[in-house]
N, C-alpha and C. Protein backbone atom coordinates (compact mmCIF):
# COMPACT_ATOMS: atom_id res chain seq x y z
N MET A 1 8.09 35.22 15.58
CA MET A 1 6.83 34.25 15.00
C MET A 1 6.84 34.10 13.41
N GLU A 2 8.07 34.72 12.45
CA GLU A 2 7.93 34.38 11.94
C GLU A 2 8.25 32.67 11.23
N GLU A 3 9.37 32.59 12.28
CA GLU A 3 10.13 31.18 12.57
C GLU A 3 9.07 30.15 12.97
N GLN A 4 8.21 30.45 14.03
CA GLN A 4 7.36 29.98 14.51
C GLN A 4 6.32 29.45 13.29
N ARG A 5 5.56 29.98 12.26
CA ARG A 5 4.86 29.66 10.96
C ARG A 5 5.64 28.26 10.22
N LEU A 6 7.01 29.32 9.92
CA LEU A 6 7.76 28.17 9.54
C LEU A 6 7.67 26.80 9.84
N ARG A 7 7.98 26.36 11.08
CA ARG A 7 7.91 25.70 11.44
C ARG A 7 6.73 24.42 12.15
N GLU A 8 5.53 25.43 11.62
CA GLU A 8 4.29 24.94 11.77
C GLU A 8 3.63 24.43 10.18
N MET A 9 4.39 24.96 9.01
CA MET A 9 4.28 24.28 7.97
C MET A 9 5.13 23.29 7.47
N ILE A 10 6.35 23.65 8.19
CA ILE A 10 6.99 22.38 8.31
C ILE A 10 6.36 20.97 8.49
N ARG A 11 5.88 21.35 9.80
CA ARG A 11 5.49 20.17 10.47
C ARG A 11 3.87 19.31 9.89
N GLU A 12 3.66 20.34 9.43
CA GLU A 12 2.36 19.84 8.20
C GLU A 12 3.17 19.00 7.14
N GLU A 13 3.71 19.12 6.84
CA GLU A 13 4.95 19.27 5.56
C GLU A 13 5.04 17.52 5.87
N LEU A 14 5.48 17.76 7.04
CA LEU A 14 6.12 16.12 7.45
C LEU A 14 4.97 15.81 7.83
N ILE A 15 3.69 16.13 8.17
CA ILE A 15 2.84 14.75 8.71
C ILE A 15 2.28 14.13 7.43
N ALA A 16 1.68 15.54 6.43
CA ALA A 16 1.26 15.08 5.46
C ALA A 16 1.82 13.88 4.25
N HIS A 17 3.67 14.25 4.42
CA HIS A 17 4.17 13.28 4.03
C HIS A 17 4.24 11.49 4.83
N ASP A 18 4.16 11.54 5.65
CA ASP A 18 4.08 10.55 6.39
C ASP A 18 2.58 9.65 6.02
N GLU A 19 1.41 10.99 6.12
CA GLU A 19 0.28 9.74 5.43
C GLU A 19 0.77 9.18 4.50
N ARG A 20 0.75 10.34 3.16
CA ARG A 20 1.29 9.79 2.07
C ARG A 20 2.10 8.22 2.13
N THR A 21 3.11 8.43 2.41
CA THR A 21 3.64 7.45 2.77
C THR A 21 3.24 5.84 3.26
N LYS A 22 2.44 6.14 4.16
CA LYS A 22 1.15 4.95 4.80
C LYS A 22 0.69 4.73 4.21
N ALA A 23 -0.01 5.24 3.12
CA ALA A 23 -1.13 5.22 2.35
C ALA A 23 -0.31 4.40 1.24
N GLU A 24 0.35 4.23 0.62
CA GLU A 24 1.26 3.86 -0.70
C GLU A 24 2.09 2.92 0.22
N VAL A 25 2.27 2.27 1.29
CA VAL A 25 2.78 1.03 1.68
C VAL A 25 1.46 0.07 1.94
N ILE A 26 0.63 0.84 2.29
CA ILE A 26 -0.87 -0.14 2.37
C ILE A 26 -1.47 -0.90 1.21
N THR A 27 -0.70 -0.03 0.04
CA THR A 27 -0.77 0.06 -1.50
C THR A 27 -0.78 -1.17 -1.74
N ILE A 28 1.20 -1.27 -1.64
CA ILE A 28 1.90 -2.11 -1.75
C ILE A 28 0.99 -3.29 -0.95
N ARG A 29 1.27 -3.61 -0.11
CA ARG A 29 0.65 -5.04 0.76
C ARG A 29 -0.07 -5.80 0.13
N VAL A 30 -1.68 -4.11 -0.10
CA VAL A 30 -2.75 -4.73 -0.67
C VAL A 30 -2.79 -5.55 -2.33
N ASN A 31 -1.96 -4.72 -2.64
CA ASN A 31 -1.29 -5.21 -4.84
C ASN A 31 -0.99 -6.37 -3.80
N ASP A 32 -0.07 -6.71 -3.64
CA ASP A 32 0.92 -8.05 -2.72
C ASP A 32 -0.45 -9.46 -2.72
N GLN A 33 -1.32 -9.08 -1.63
CA GLN A 33 -2.00 -9.63 -0.90
C GLN A 33 -3.12 -10.54 -2.25
N MET A 34 -3.62 -9.25 -3.41
CA MET A 34 -4.13 -9.25 -4.91
C MET A 34 -3.56 -11.34 -5.16
N LYS A 35 -1.95 -10.37 -5.80
CA LYS A 35 -0.95 -11.57 -6.62
C LYS A 35 -0.85 -12.36 -5.74
N ALA A 36 -1.24 -12.58 -4.66
CA ALA A 36 -1.17 -13.70 -3.75
C ALA A 36 -2.34 -14.91 -4.18
N THR A 37 -3.33 -14.14 -3.81
CA THR A 37 -4.92 -14.50 -3.99
C THR A 37 -4.58 -15.34 -5.86
N MET A 38 -4.69 -14.39 -6.11
CA MET A 38 -4.92 -14.61 -7.76
C MET A 38 -3.59 -16.24 -8.21
N LEU A 39 -2.81 -16.13 -7.64
CA LEU A 39 -1.61 -16.76 -7.57
C LEU A 39 -2.52 -18.57 -7.58
N GLU A 40 -3.25 -18.07 -6.29
CA GLU A 40 -4.10 -18.91 -5.52
C GLU A 40 -5.38 -19.25 -6.32
N VAL A 41 -5.76 -18.57 -6.59
CA VAL A 41 -6.87 -18.94 -7.72
C VAL A 41 -6.21 -19.79 -8.94
N LEU A 42 -5.49 -19.63 -9.46
CA LEU A 42 -5.03 -20.17 -10.71
C LEU A 42 -4.14 -21.64 -10.67
N LYS A 43 -4.13 -21.87 -8.98
CA LYS A 43 -3.26 -23.24 -8.92
C LYS A 43 -4.20 -23.91 -8.42
N ASN A 44 -5.73 -23.50 -8.05
CA ASN A 44 -6.68 -24.52 -8.25
C ASN A 44 -7.41 -24.26 -9.70
N MET A 45 -7.02 -23.91 -10.54
CA MET A 45 -7.98 -23.88 -11.51
C MET A 45 -6.70 -25.30 -12.36
N ASN A 46 -5.80 -24.92 -12.06
CA ASN A 46 -4.89 -25.46 -12.77
C ASN A 46 -5.06 -27.01 -12.16
N HIS A 47 -5.56 -27.51 -10.97
CA HIS A 47 -5.36 -28.52 -10.52
C HIS A 47 -6.56 -29.28 -10.30
N GLN A 48 -7.86 -28.11 -11.00
CA GLN A 48 -9.48 -28.48 -11.66
C GLN A 48 -8.57 -29.31 -12.73
N GLN A 49 -8.54 -28.67 -13.98
CA GLN A 49 -8.19 -29.27 -15.13
C GLN A 49 -6.90 -30.45 -15.27
N LEU A 50 -6.62 -29.90 -14.04
CA LEU A 50 -5.49 -31.78 -14.09
C LEU A 50 -6.02 -32.52 -14.37
N LYS A 51 -7.40 -32.70 -12.95
CA LYS A 51 -8.70 -33.91 -12.50
C LYS A 51 -8.77 -34.50 -13.58
N LEU A 52 -9.48 -33.24 -14.54
CA LEU A 52 -10.95 -33.73 -15.50
C LEU A 52 -9.82 -34.92 -16.57
């Protein structure tokens, strides 16, 4: 019975770790997308200033 409980605890921890890893990957992707968007905005602003 103790071994079964230990297996369940390990399984729960692995699932929690997997969820944290997925959340970190999503955060990195969102941050990368925000950086790309800001770069595009800055490029567009620069092009607008050059036209003036």
